[in-house]
Amino acid sequence: QVQLVESGGGLVQAGGSLRLSCTASGSIGSIYRMGWHRQVPGNQRELVADITSDGSTSVADSVKGRFTISRDNTRNTVYLQLNSLKPEDTAVYYCAAARFYYSPFGIWGQGTQVTVSS
């Protein structure tokens, strides 16, 4: 079973940038879809961006033009570049994997906190 570990979160001022990393304990080459979600206490978890094994990406409207997802299969790592951060981007960010095209996100990391100060 692949395990996911996120890193790169922290405290940043509005307008700043962060890069989150999600490193898998095993190969992600065969995993169909990797995604970044975020959650604010009291709210539902929100899919921010995802990327398929062929490199196709999708990004939520709320972060389009500011966040970019990428994956490096040689490093078993998925990245989320966060630019032009806003206070409303403050959340715990989770990495997740969907092994097959018909699978839900079933493998989750422990999350990394991103806090954006105004």
C-alpha atoms as a PDB file:
ATOM      1  CA  GLN A   1       0.000   0.000   0.000  1.00  0.00           C
ATOM      2  CA  VAL A   2       1.408   3.357  -1.030  1.00  0.00           C
ATOM      3  CA  GLN A   3       1.730   5.922   1.734  1.00  0.00           C
ATOM      4  CA  LEU A   4       1.724   9.659   1.098  1.00  0.00           C
ATOM      5  CA  VAL A   5       3.611  12.302   3.045  1.00  0.00           C
ATOM      6  CA  GLU A   6       3.023  16.012   2.482  1.00  0.00           C
ATOM      7  CA  SER A   7       5.494  18.770   3.216  1.00  0.00           C
ATOM      8  CA  GLY A   8       6.068  22.420   2.427  1.00  0.00           C
ATOM      9  CA  GLY A   9       3.267  24.066   4.340  1.00  0.00           C
ATOM     10  CA  GLY A  10       3.800  27.049   6.588  1.00  0.00           C
ATOM     11  CA  LEU A  11       2.966  30.659   7.338  1.00  0.00           C
ATOM     12  CA  VAL A  12       3.190  33.162   4.506  1.00  0.00           C
ATOM     13  CA  GLN A  13       1.976  36.692   3.907  1.00  0.00           C
ATOM     14  CA  ALA A  14      -0.751  37.430   1.414  1.00  0.00           C
ATOM     15  CA  GLY A  15       0.703  37.597  -2.079  1.00  0.00           C
ATOM     16  CA  GLY A  16       3.420  35.127  -1.232  1.00  0.00           C
ATOM     17  CA  SER A  17       4.140  31.651  -2.552  1.00  0.00           C
ATOM     18  CA  LEU A  18       4.641  28.138  -1.280  1.00  0.00           C
ATOM     19  CA  ARG A  19       5.370  24.814  -2.902  1.00  0.00           C
ATOM     20  CA  LEU A  20       3.805  21.748  -1.386  1.00  0.00           C
ATOM     21  CA  SER A  21       5.271  18.317  -1.995  1.00  0.00           C
ATOM     22  CA  CYS A  22       3.633  14.934  -1.693  1.00  0.00           C
ATOM     23  CA  THR A  23       6.072  12.044  -1.673  1.00  0.00           C
ATOM     24  CA  ALA A  24       4.881   8.472  -1.990  1.00  0.00           C
ATOM     25  CA  SER A  25       6.504   5.503  -0.290  1.00  0.00           C
ATOM     26  CA  GLY A  26       6.163   3.554  -3.513  1.00  0.00           C
ATOM     27  CA  SER A  27       5.921   4.171  -7.212  1.00  0.00           C
ATOM     28  CA  ILE A  28       3.209   6.557  -8.377  1.00  0.00           C
ATOM     29  CA  GLY A  29       3.767   5.729 -12.011  1.00  0.00           C
ATOM     30  CA  SER A  30       0.864   3.314 -12.091  1.00  0.00           C
ATOM     31  CA  ILE A  31      -1.472   5.504 -10.048  1.00  0.00           C
ATOM     32  CA  TYR A  32      -4.092   7.004 -12.313  1.00  0.00           C
ATOM     33  CA  ARG A  33      -4.808  10.254 -10.515  1.00  0.00           C
ATOM     34  CA  MET A  34      -3.138  12.296  -7.814  1.00  0.00           C
ATOM     35  CA  GLY A  35      -4.853  15.242  -6.236  1.00  0.00           C
ATOM     36  CA  TRP A  36      -4.516  18.030  -3.718  1.00  0.00           C
ATOM     37  CA  HIS A  37      -7.459  18.834  -1.496  1.00  0.00           C
ATOM     38  CA  ARG A  38      -7.876  21.379   1.259  1.00  0.00           C
ATOM     39  CA  GLN A  39     -10.080  21.669   4.289  1.00  0.00           C
ATOM     40  CA  VAL A  40     -10.965  24.417   6.694  1.00  0.00           C
ATOM     41  CA  PRO A  41     -12.418  23.312  10.060  1.00  0.00           C
ATOM     42  CA  GLY A  42     -16.186  23.099   9.800  1.00  0.00           C
ATOM     43  CA  ASN A  43     -16.131  22.933   6.017  1.00  0.00           C
ATOM     44  CA  GLN A  44     -16.093  20.074   3.560  1.00  0.00           C
ATOM     45  CA  ARG A  45     -12.858  18.970   1.990  1.00  0.00           C
ATOM     46  CA  GLU A  46     -12.394  20.674  -1.371  1.00  0.00           C
ATOM     47  CA  LEU A  47     -10.531  19.302  -4.392  1.00  0.00           C
ATOM     48  CA  VAL A  48      -8.056  21.994  -5.400  1.00  0.00           C
ATOM     49  CA  ALA A  49      -6.219  20.360  -8.281  1.00  0.00           C
ATOM     50  CA  ASP A  50      -5.533  16.948  -9.730  1.00  0.00           C
ATOM     51  CA  ILE A  51      -3.318  15.340 -12.307  1.00  0.00           C
ATOM     52  CA  THR A  52      -3.652  12.070 -14.167  1.00  0.00           C
ATOM     53  CA  SER A  53      -0.957   9.609 -15.161  1.00  0.00           C
ATOM     54  CA  ASP A  54      -0.829  11.084 -18.669  1.00  0.00           C
ATOM     55  CA  GLY A  55      -0.281  14.567 -17.254  1.00  0.00           C
ATOM     56  CA  SER A  56      -3.740  16.008 -17.713  1.00  0.00           C
ATOM     57  CA  THR A  57      -4.552  18.526 -15.020  1.00  0.00           C
ATOM     58  CA  SER A  58      -7.574  20.264 -13.628  1.00  0.00           C
ATOM     59  CA  VAL A  59      -7.695  23.132 -11.172  1.00  0.00           C
ATOM     60  CA  ALA A  60     -10.574  24.522  -9.122  1.00  0.00           C
ATOM     61  CA  ASP A  61     -11.943  27.854 -10.294  1.00  0.00           C
ATOM     62  CA  SER A  62     -11.107  29.405  -6.927  1.00  0.00           C
ATOM     63  CA  VAL A  63      -7.377  28.884  -7.508  1.00  0.00           C
ATOM     64  CA  LYS A  64      -7.130  28.923 -11.283  1.00  0.00           C
ATOM     65  CA  GLY A  65      -4.232  31.025 -12.479  1.00  0.00           C
ATOM     66  CA  ARG A  66      -2.595  30.912  -9.052  1.00  0.00           C
ATOM     67  CA  PHE A  67      -2.027  27.229  -8.257  1.00  0.00           C
ATOM     68  CA  THR A  68      -0.261  24.680 -10.441  1.00  0.00           C
ATOM     69  CA  ILE A  69      -0.064  20.929  -9.984  1.00  0.00           C
ATOM     70  CA  SER A  70       2.702  18.755 -11.373  1.00  0.00           C
ATOM     71  CA  ARG A  71       4.093  15.299 -10.848  1.00  0.00           C
ATOM     72  CA  ASP A  72       7.544  13.754 -11.092  1.00  0.00           C
ATOM     73  CA  ASN A  73       7.176  10.011 -11.391  1.00  0.00           C
ATOM     74  CA  THR A  74      10.939   9.506 -11.112  1.00  0.00           C
ATOM     75  CA  ARG A  75      10.806  11.043  -7.630  1.00  0.00           C
ATOM     76  CA  ASN A  76       7.375   9.596  -6.780  1.00  0.00           C
ATOM     77  CA  THR A  77       6.336  13.122  -5.919  1.00  0.00           C
ATOM     78  CA  VAL A  78       3.454  15.420  -6.737  1.00  0.00           C
ATOM     79  CA  TYR A  79       3.789  19.149  -6.285  1.00  0.00           C
ATOM     80  CA  LEU A  80       1.363  21.987  -5.768  1.00  0.00           C
ATOM     81  CA  GLN A  81       2.760  25.432  -6.476  1.00  0.00           C
ATOM     82  CA  LEU A  82       0.769  28.099  -4.673  1.00  0.00           C
ATOM     83  CA  ASN A  83       1.244  31.669  -5.909  1.00  0.00           C
ATOM     84  CA  SER A  84      -0.495  34.950  -5.094  1.00  0.00           C
ATOM     85  CA  LEU A  85      -1.783  33.445  -1.876  1.00  0.00           C
ATOM     86  CA  LYS A  86      -4.810  34.927  -0.183  1.00  0.00           C
ATOM     87  CA  PRO A  87      -5.987  34.637   3.433  1.00  0.00           C
ATOM     88  CA  GLU A  88      -8.895  32.492   2.222  1.00  0.00           C
ATOM     89  CA  ASP A  89      -6.375  29.908   1.016  1.00  0.00           C
ATOM     90  CA  THR A  90      -5.635  29.125   4.656  1.00  0.00           C
ATOM     91  CA  ALA A  91      -6.416  25.446   5.210  1.00  0.00           C
ATOM     92  CA  VAL A  92      -4.942  22.029   5.768  1.00  0.00           C
ATOM     93  CA  TYR A  93      -3.835  20.700   2.392  1.00  0.00           C
ATOM     94  CA  TYR A  94      -4.049  16.962   1.759  1.00  0.00           C
ATOM     95  CA  CYS A  95      -2.542  14.860  -0.964  1.00  0.00           C
ATOM     96  CA  ALA A  96      -4.534  11.898  -2.226  1.00  0.00           C
ATOM     97  CA  ALA A  97      -4.307   9.130  -4.795  1.00  0.00           C
ATOM     98  CA  ALA A  98      -6.879   7.338  -6.916  1.00  0.00           C
ATOM     99  CA  ARG A  99      -5.312   4.145  -8.177  1.00  0.00           C
ATOM    100  CA  PHE A 100      -7.542   3.489 -11.163  1.00  0.00           C
ATOM    101  CA  TYR A 101      -9.683   5.664 -13.419  1.00  0.00           C
ATOM    102  CA  TYR A 102     -12.832   4.375 -11.718  1.00  0.00           C
ATOM    103  CA  SER A 103     -11.448   4.698  -8.186  1.00  0.00           C
ATOM    104  CA  PRO A 104     -12.251   7.432  -5.729  1.00  0.00           C
ATOM    105  CA  PHE A 105      -9.403   9.080  -3.875  1.00  0.00           C
ATOM    106  CA  GLY A 106      -8.645   6.251  -1.469  1.00  0.00           C
ATOM    107  CA  ILE A 107      -5.113   6.915  -0.254  1.00  0.00           C
ATOM    108  CA  TRP A 108      -4.544  10.041   1.803  1.00  0.00           C
ATOM    109  CA  GLY A 109      -1.655  11.820   3.409  1.00  0.00           C
ATOM    110  CA  GLN A 110      -1.751  13.351   6.866  1.00  0.00           C
ATOM    111  CA  GLY A 111      -2.020  16.936   5.619  1.00  0.00           C
ATOM    112  CA  THR A 112       0.096  20.051   5.845  1.00  0.00           C
ATOM    113  CA  GLN A 113      -1.069  23.386   7.220  1.00  0.00           C
ATOM    114  CA  VAL A 114      -0.970  26.486   5.050  1.00  0.00           C
ATOM    115  CA  THR A 115      -1.660  29.780   6.790  1.00  0.00           C
ATOM    116  CA  VAL A 116      -1.837  33.038   4.863  1.00  0.00           C
ATOM    117  CA  SER A 117      -1.743  36.230   6.877  1.00  0.00           C
ATOM    118  CA  SER A 118      -3.256  39.473   5.648  1.00  0.00           C
END
